[in-house]
Amino acid sequence: MANIKINQSNFDNKLTEWRNNVGATRADSLYFVSSEINELDIRIVAWRKNLLINISSVDGFSSKITYLDILT
């Protein structure tokens, strides 16, 4: 399990890795700065990829994304 920092330019790729089950990436936690990436954008991209994710606030500055499941 890795803690990975994501940004606007790479979060789509990380969600695709979760979708395709590349390596052990589903056990990873993705962290982002709340003011840098719109949470709704992440949720929309995940939904289009049929991913169920959880986004939780770590502190007032950053948030954490964890993988939950794949929708069929």
PDB file of N, CA and C in Angstrom:
ATOM      1  N   MET A   1       0.838  -1.174   0.000  1.00  0.00           N
ATOM      2  CA  MET A   1       0.000   0.000   0.000  1.00  0.00           C
ATOM      3  C   MET A   1       0.887   1.243   0.000  1.00  0.00           C
ATOM      4  N   ALA A   2       0.598   2.124  -0.939  1.00  0.00           N
ATOM      5  CA  ALA A   2       1.374   3.358  -1.042  1.00  0.00           C
ATOM      6  C   ALA A   2       0.456   4.558  -0.823  1.00  0.00           C
ATOM      7  N   ASN A   3       1.032   5.621  -0.340  1.00  0.00           N
ATOM      8  CA  ASN A   3       0.343   6.902  -0.225  1.00  0.00           C
ATOM      9  C   ASN A   3       0.846   7.764  -1.369  1.00  0.00           C
ATOM     10  N   ILE A   4      -0.053   8.094  -2.296  1.00  0.00           N
ATOM     11  CA  ILE A   4       0.336   8.766  -3.528  1.00  0.00           C
ATOM     12  C   ILE A   4      -0.291  10.148  -3.604  1.00  0.00           C
ATOM     13  N   LYS A   5       0.535  11.123  -3.914  1.00  0.00           N
ATOM     14  CA  LYS A   5       0.070  12.488  -4.109  1.00  0.00           C
ATOM     15  C   LYS A   5      -0.392  12.615  -5.562  1.00  0.00           C
ATOM     16  N   ILE A   6      -1.610  13.118  -5.742  1.00  0.00           N
ATOM     17  CA  ILE A   6      -2.122  13.317  -7.093  1.00  0.00           C
ATOM     18  C   ILE A   6      -2.385  14.793  -7.325  1.00  0.00           C
ATOM     19  N   ASN A   7      -2.553  15.145  -8.600  1.00  0.00           N
ATOM     20  CA  ASN A   7      -2.872  16.518  -8.965  1.00  0.00           C
ATOM     21  C   ASN A   7      -3.841  16.505 -10.145  1.00  0.00           C
ATOM     22  N   GLN A   8      -4.149  17.665 -10.657  1.00  0.00           N
ATOM     23  CA  GLN A   8      -5.121  17.794 -11.738  1.00  0.00           C
ATOM     24  C   GLN A   8      -4.700  17.011 -12.985  1.00  0.00           C
ATOM     25  N   SER A   9      -3.407  16.896 -13.229  1.00  0.00           N
ATOM     26  CA  SER A   9      -2.946  16.258 -14.460  1.00  0.00           C
ATOM     27  C   SER A   9      -2.807  14.740 -14.373  1.00  0.00           C
ATOM     28  N   ASN A  10      -2.808  14.153 -13.176  1.00  0.00           N
ATOM     29  CA  ASN A  10      -2.609  12.704 -13.113  1.00  0.00           C
ATOM     30  C   ASN A  10      -3.719  11.919 -12.405  1.00  0.00           C
ATOM     31  N   PHE A  11      -4.739  12.573 -11.866  1.00  0.00           N
ATOM     32  CA  PHE A  11      -5.740  11.798 -11.121  1.00  0.00           C
ATOM     33  C   PHE A  11      -6.537  10.874 -12.032  1.00  0.00           C
ATOM     34  N   ASP A  12      -6.785  11.281 -13.276  1.00  0.00           N
ATOM     35  CA  ASP A  12      -7.521  10.432 -14.223  1.00  0.00           C
ATOM     36  C   ASP A  12      -6.743   9.132 -14.464  1.00  0.00           C
ATOM     37  N   ASN A  13      -5.430   9.235 -14.644  1.00  0.00           N
ATOM     38  CA  ASN A  13      -4.600   8.043 -14.867  1.00  0.00           C
ATOM     39  C   ASN A  13      -4.621   7.102 -13.663  1.00  0.00           C
ATOM     40  N   LYS A  14      -4.591   7.657 -12.472  1.00  0.00           N
ATOM     41  CA  LYS A  14      -4.611   6.820 -11.262  1.00  0.00           C
ATOM     42  C   LYS A  14      -5.945   6.087 -11.136  1.00  0.00           C
ATOM     43  N   LEU A  15      -7.041   6.759 -11.476  1.00  0.00           N
ATOM     44  CA  LEU A  15      -8.350   6.095 -11.431  1.00  0.00           C
ATOM     45  C   LEU A  15      -8.439   5.005 -12.499  1.00  0.00           C
ATOM     46  N   THR A  16      -7.827   5.242 -13.652  1.00  0.00           N
ATOM     47  CA  THR A  16      -7.792   4.221 -14.698  1.00  0.00           C
ATOM     48  C   THR A  16      -7.014   2.997 -14.223  1.00  0.00           C
ATOM     49  N   GLU A  17      -5.921   3.209 -13.509  1.00  0.00           N
ATOM     50  CA  GLU A  17      -5.162   2.092 -12.950  1.00  0.00           C
ATOM     51  C   GLU A  17      -6.018   1.287 -11.981  1.00  0.00           C
ATOM     52  N   TRP A  18      -6.814   1.975 -11.164  1.00  0.00           N
ATOM     53  CA  TRP A  18      -7.725   1.258 -10.263  1.00  0.00           C
ATOM     54  C   TRP A  18      -8.733   0.455 -11.070  1.00  0.00           C
ATOM     55  N   ARG A  19      -9.278   1.066 -12.115  1.00  0.00           N
ATOM     56  CA  ARG A  19     -10.279   0.395 -12.951  1.00  0.00           C
ATOM     57  C   ARG A  19      -9.701  -0.868 -13.575  1.00  0.00           C
ATOM     58  N   ASN A  20      -8.462  -0.788 -14.047  1.00  0.00           N
ATOM     59  CA  ASN A  20      -7.826  -1.907 -14.745  1.00  0.00           C
ATOM     60  C   ASN A  20      -7.061  -2.840 -13.821  1.00  0.00           C
ATOM     61  N   ASN A  21      -7.058  -2.549 -12.531  1.00  0.00           N
ATOM     62  CA  ASN A  21      -6.380  -3.366 -11.517  1.00  0.00           C
ATOM     63  C   ASN A  21      -4.906  -3.578 -11.852  1.00  0.00           C
ATOM     64  N   VAL A  22      -4.224  -2.483 -12.135  1.00  0.00           N
ATOM     65  CA  VAL A  22      -2.798  -2.526 -12.446  1.00  0.00           C
ATOM     66  C   VAL A  22      -2.011  -2.691 -11.149  1.00  0.00           C
ATOM     67  N   GLY A  23      -1.262  -3.775 -11.055  1.00  0.00           N
ATOM     68  CA  GLY A  23      -0.448  -4.018  -9.872  1.00  0.00           C
ATOM     69  C   GLY A  23      -1.284  -4.071  -8.599  1.00  0.00           C
ATOM     70  N   ALA A  24      -0.755  -3.507  -7.543  1.00  0.00           N
ATOM     71  CA  ALA A  24      -1.458  -3.482  -6.253  1.00  0.00           C
ATOM     72  C   ALA A  24      -2.054  -2.104  -5.999  1.00  0.00           C
ATOM     73  N   THR A  25      -2.394  -1.395  -7.062  1.00  0.00           N
ATOM     74  CA  THR A  25      -2.815  -0.008  -6.907  1.00  0.00           C
ATOM     75  C   THR A  25      -4.123   0.160  -6.145  1.00  0.00           C
ATOM     76  N   ARG A  26      -4.982  -0.827  -6.129  1.00  0.00           N
ATOM     77  CA  ARG A  26      -6.260  -0.664  -5.422  1.00  0.00           C
ATOM     78  C   ARG A  26      -6.072  -0.531  -3.915  1.00  0.00           C
ATOM     79  N   ALA A  27      -4.945  -0.952  -3.413  1.00  0.00           N
ATOM     80  CA  ALA A  27      -4.652  -0.800  -1.989  1.00  0.00           C
ATOM     81  C   ALA A  27      -4.051   0.562  -1.673  1.00  0.00           C
ATOM     82  N   ASP A  28      -3.692   1.316  -2.715  1.00  0.00           N
ATOM     83  CA  ASP A  28      -3.086   2.635  -2.522  1.00  0.00           C
ATOM     84  C   ASP A  28      -4.112   3.657  -2.044  1.00  0.00           C
ATOM     85  N   SER A  29      -3.645   4.674  -1.371  1.00  0.00           N
ATOM     86  CA  SER A  29      -4.460   5.831  -1.009  1.00  0.00           C
ATOM     87  C   SER A  29      -3.944   7.011  -1.801  1.00  0.00           C
ATOM     88  N   LEU A  30      -4.870   7.760  -2.391  1.00  0.00           N
ATOM     89  CA  LEU A  30      -4.511   8.922  -3.190  1.00  0.00           C
ATOM     90  C   LEU A  30      -4.814  10.187  -2.390  1.00  0.00           C
ATOM     91  N   TYR A  31      -3.857  11.101  -2.322  1.00  0.00           N
ATOM     92  CA  TYR A  31      -4.018  12.339  -1.566  1.00  0.00           C
ATOM     93  C   TYR A  31      -3.946  13.530  -2.511  1.00  0.00           C
ATOM     94  N   PHE A  32      -4.780  14.526  -2.238  1.00  0.00           N
ATOM     95  CA  PHE A  32      -4.772  15.735  -3.054  1.00  0.00           C
ATOM     96  C   PHE A  32      -5.105  16.947  -2.205  1.00  0.00           C
ATOM     97  N   VAL A  33      -4.678  18.096  -2.697  1.00  0.00           N
ATOM     98  CA  VAL A  33      -4.978  19.364  -2.047  1.00  0.00           C
ATOM     99  C   VAL A  33      -6.393  19.774  -2.470  1.00  0.00           C
ATOM    100  N   SER A  34      -7.231  20.019  -1.501  1.00  0.00           N
ATOM    101  CA  SER A  34      -8.637  20.288  -1.768  1.00  0.00           C
ATOM    102  C   SER A  34      -8.863  21.506  -2.656  1.00  0.00           C
ATOM    103  N   SER A  35      -7.982  22.478  -2.587  1.00  0.00           N
ATOM    104  CA  SER A  35      -8.155  23.678  -3.406  1.00  0.00           C
ATOM    105  C   SER A  35      -7.614  23.499  -4.828  1.00  0.00           C
ATOM    106  N   GLU A  36      -6.845  22.429  -5.065  1.00  0.00           N
ATOM    107  CA  GLU A  36      -6.243  22.202  -6.377  1.00  0.00           C
ATOM    108  C   GLU A  36      -7.140  21.395  -7.313  1.00  0.00           C
ATOM    109  N   ILE A  37      -7.842  20.406  -6.773  1.00  0.00           N
ATOM    110  CA  ILE A  37      -8.700  19.543  -7.573  1.00  0.00           C
ATOM    111  C   ILE A  37     -10.117  19.626  -7.014  1.00  0.00           C
ATOM    112  N   ASN A  38     -11.067  19.800  -7.899  1.00  0.00           N
ATOM    113  CA  ASN A  38     -12.466  19.836  -7.503  1.00  0.00           C
ATOM    114  C   ASN A  38     -12.929  18.405  -7.213  1.00  0.00           C
ATOM    115  N   GLU A  39     -13.420  18.185  -6.025  1.00  0.00           N
ATOM    116  CA  GLU A  39     -13.870  16.849  -5.618  1.00  0.00           C
ATOM    117  C   GLU A  39     -14.943  16.304  -6.551  1.00  0.00           C
ATOM    118  N   LEU A  40     -15.833  17.157  -7.020  1.00  0.00           N
ATOM    119  CA  LEU A  40     -16.886  16.719  -7.933  1.00  0.00           C
ATOM    120  C   LEU A  40     -16.284  16.199  -9.237  1.00  0.00           C
ATOM    121  N   ASP A  41     -15.220  16.817  -9.736  1.00  0.00           N
ATOM    122  CA  ASP A  41     -14.548  16.328 -10.950  1.00  0.00           C
ATOM    123  C   ASP A  41     -14.046  14.903 -10.756  1.00  0.00           C
ATOM    124  N   ILE A  42     -13.475  14.632  -9.593  1.00  0.00           N
ATOM    125  CA  ILE A  42     -12.973  13.285  -9.302  1.00  0.00           C
ATOM    126  C   ILE A  42     -14.130  12.295  -9.267  1.00  0.00           C
ATOM    127  N   ARG A  43     -15.207  12.662  -8.619  1.00  0.00           N
ATOM    128  CA  ARG A  43     -16.369  11.771  -8.529  1.00  0.00           C
ATOM    129  C   ARG A  43     -16.962  11.480  -9.905  1.00  0.00           C
ATOM    130  N   ILE A  44     -17.023  12.488 -10.767  1.00  0.00           N
ATOM    131  CA  ILE A  44     -17.563  12.304 -12.122  1.00  0.00           C
ATOM    132  C   ILE A  44     -16.681  11.354 -12.923  1.00  0.00           C
ATOM    133  N   VAL A  45     -15.370  11.558 -12.883  1.00  0.00           N
ATOM    134  CA  VAL A  45     -14.440  10.682 -13.614  1.00  0.00           C
ATOM    135  C   VAL A  45     -14.539   9.256 -13.083  1.00  0.00           C
ATOM    136  N   ALA A  46     -14.592   9.096 -11.779  1.00  0.00           N
ATOM    137  CA  ALA A  46     -14.712   7.759 -11.191  1.00  0.00           C
ATOM    138  C   ALA A  46     -16.012   7.090 -11.622  1.00  0.00           C
ATOM    139  N   TRP A  47     -17.108   7.816 -11.622  1.00  0.00           N
ATOM    140  CA  TRP A  47     -18.406   7.265 -12.021  1.00  0.00           C
ATOM    141  C   TRP A  47     -18.380   6.805 -13.473  1.00  0.00           C
ATOM    142  N   ARG A  48     -17.765   7.606 -14.347  1.00  0.00           N
ATOM    143  CA  ARG A  48     -17.649   7.234 -15.760  1.00  0.00           C
ATOM    144  C   ARG A  48     -16.798   5.986 -15.950  1.00  0.00           C
ATOM    145  N   LYS A  49     -15.892   5.725 -15.025  1.00  0.00           N
ATOM    146  CA  LYS A  49     -15.041   4.534 -15.087  1.00  0.00           C
ATOM    147  C   LYS A  49     -15.663   3.370 -14.304  1.00  0.00           C
ATOM    148  N   ASN A  50     -16.879   3.549 -13.803  1.00  0.00           N
ATOM    149  CA  ASN A  50     -17.599   2.540 -13.013  1.00  0.00           C
ATOM    150  C   ASN A  50     -16.884   2.193 -11.714  1.00  0.00           C
ATOM    151  N   LEU A  51     -16.259   3.189 -11.109  1.00  0.00           N
ATOM    152  CA  LEU A  51     -15.560   3.007  -9.838  1.00  0.00           C
ATOM    153  C   LEU A  51     -16.366   3.581  -8.689  1.00  0.00           C
ATOM    154  N   LEU A  52     -16.406   2.859  -7.600  1.00  0.00           N
ATOM    155  CA  LEU A  52     -16.919   3.409  -6.354  1.00  0.00           C
ATOM    156  C   LEU A  52     -15.716   3.789  -5.512  1.00  0.00           C
ATOM    157  N   ILE A  53     -15.662   5.040  -5.103  1.00  0.00           N
ATOM    158  CA  ILE A  53     -14.545   5.540  -4.313  1.00  0.00           C
ATOM    159  C   ILE A  53     -15.073   6.245  -3.079  1.00  0.00           C
ATOM    160  N   ASN A  54     -14.198   6.450  -2.143  1.00  0.00           N
ATOM    161  CA  ASN A  54     -14.520   7.235  -0.965  1.00  0.00           C
ATOM    162  C   ASN A  54     -13.542   8.403  -0.893  1.00  0.00           C
ATOM    163  N   ILE A  55     -14.066   9.595  -0.718  1.00  0.00           N
ATOM    164  CA  ILE A  55     -13.235  10.774  -0.542  1.00  0.00           C
ATOM    165  C   ILE A  55     -13.490  11.309   0.855  1.00  0.00           C
ATOM    166  N   SER A  56     -12.423  11.423   1.627  1.00  0.00           N
ATOM    167  CA  SER A  56     -12.563  11.930   2.993  1.00  0.00           C
ATOM    168  C   SER A  56     -11.544  13.035   3.233  1.00  0.00           C
ATOM    169  N   SER A  57     -11.906  13.942   4.103  1.00  0.00           N
ATOM    170  CA  SER A  57     -11.020  15.045   4.450  1.00  0.00           C
ATOM    171  C   SER A  57      -9.981  14.564   5.451  1.00  0.00           C
ATOM    172  N   VAL A  58      -8.726  14.880   5.179  1.00  0.00           N
ATOM    173  CA  VAL A  58      -7.651  14.532   6.102  1.00  0.00           C
ATOM    174  C   VAL A  58      -7.498  15.646   7.128  1.00  0.00           C
ATOM    175  N   ASP A  59      -7.507  16.855   6.627  1.00  0.00           N
ATOM    176  CA  ASP A  59      -7.441  18.055   7.455  1.00  0.00           C
ATOM    177  C   ASP A  59      -8.128  19.163   6.656  1.00  0.00           C
ATOM    178  N   GLY A  60      -8.002  20.368   7.017  1.00  0.00           N
ATOM    179  CA  GLY A  60      -8.638  21.452   6.281  1.00  0.00           C
ATOM    180  C   GLY A  60      -7.977  21.755   4.954  1.00  0.00           C
ATOM    181  N   PHE A  61      -6.875  21.079   4.656  1.00  0.00           N
ATOM    182  CA  PHE A  61      -6.064  21.371   3.482  1.00  0.00           C
ATOM    183  C   PHE A  61      -6.089  20.256   2.443  1.00  0.00           C
ATOM    184  N   SER A  62      -6.097  19.010   2.884  1.00  0.00           N
ATOM    185  CA  SER A  62      -5.983  17.889   1.951  1.00  0.00           C
ATOM    186  C   SER A  62      -7.081  16.854   2.161  1.00  0.00           C
ATOM    187  N   SER A  63      -7.255  16.020   1.130  1.00  0.00           N
ATOM    188  CA  SER A  63      -8.255  14.955   1.162  1.00  0.00           C
ATOM    189  C   SER A  63      -7.634  13.653   0.689  1.00  0.00           C
ATOM    190  N   LYS A  64      -8.317  12.558   1.004  1.00  0.00           N
ATOM    191  CA  LYS A  64      -7.821  11.212   0.697  1.00  0.00           C
ATOM    192  C   LYS A  64      -8.891  10.458  -0.093  1.00  0.00           C
ATOM    193  N   ILE A  65      -8.441   9.753  -1.148  1.00  0.00           N
ATOM    194  CA  ILE A  65      -9.332   8.929  -1.953  1.00  0.00           C
ATOM    195  C   ILE A  65      -8.945   7.475  -1.729  1.00  0.00           C
ATOM    196  N   THR A  66      -9.947   6.644  -1.463  1.00  0.00           N
ATOM    197  CA  THR A  66      -9.702   5.202  -1.344  1.00  0.00           C
ATOM    198  C   THR A  66     -10.650   4.459  -2.279  1.00  0.00           C
ATOM    199  N   TYR A  67     -10.178   3.353  -2.767  1.00  0.00           N
ATOM    200  CA  TYR A  67     -10.945   2.484  -3.671  1.00  0.00           C
ATOM    201  C   TYR A  67     -11.962   1.691  -2.854  1.00  0.00           C
ATOM    202  N   LEU A  68     -13.189   1.584  -3.373  1.00  0.00           N
ATOM    203  CA  LEU A  68     -14.207   0.758  -2.722  1.00  0.00           C
ATOM    204  C   LEU A  68     -14.573  -0.468  -3.552  1.00  0.00           C
ATOM    205  N   ASP A  69     -14.984  -0.235  -4.837  1.00  0.00           N
ATOM    206  CA  ASP A  69     -15.450  -1.351  -5.642  1.00  0.00           C
ATOM    207  C   ASP A  69     -15.600  -0.936  -7.091  1.00  0.00           C
ATOM    208  N   ILE A  70     -15.860  -1.925  -7.956  1.00  0.00           N
ATOM    209  CA  ILE A  70     -16.153  -1.711  -9.360  1.00  0.00           C
ATOM    210  C   ILE A  70     -17.633  -1.985  -9.581  1.00  0.00           C
ATOM    211  N   LEU A  71     -18.279  -1.122 -10.320  1.00  0.00           N
ATOM    212  CA  LEU A  71     -19.674  -1.340 -10.687  1.00  0.00           C
ATOM    213  C   LEU A  71     -19.725  -2.136 -11.983  1.00  0.00           C
ATOM    214  N   THR A  72     -20.682  -3.039 -12.079  1.00  0.00           N
ATOM    215  CA  THR A  72     -20.812  -3.820 -13.318  1.00  0.00           C
ATOM    216  C   THR A  72     -22.031  -3.425 -14.079  1.00  0.00           C
TER     217      THR A  72
END
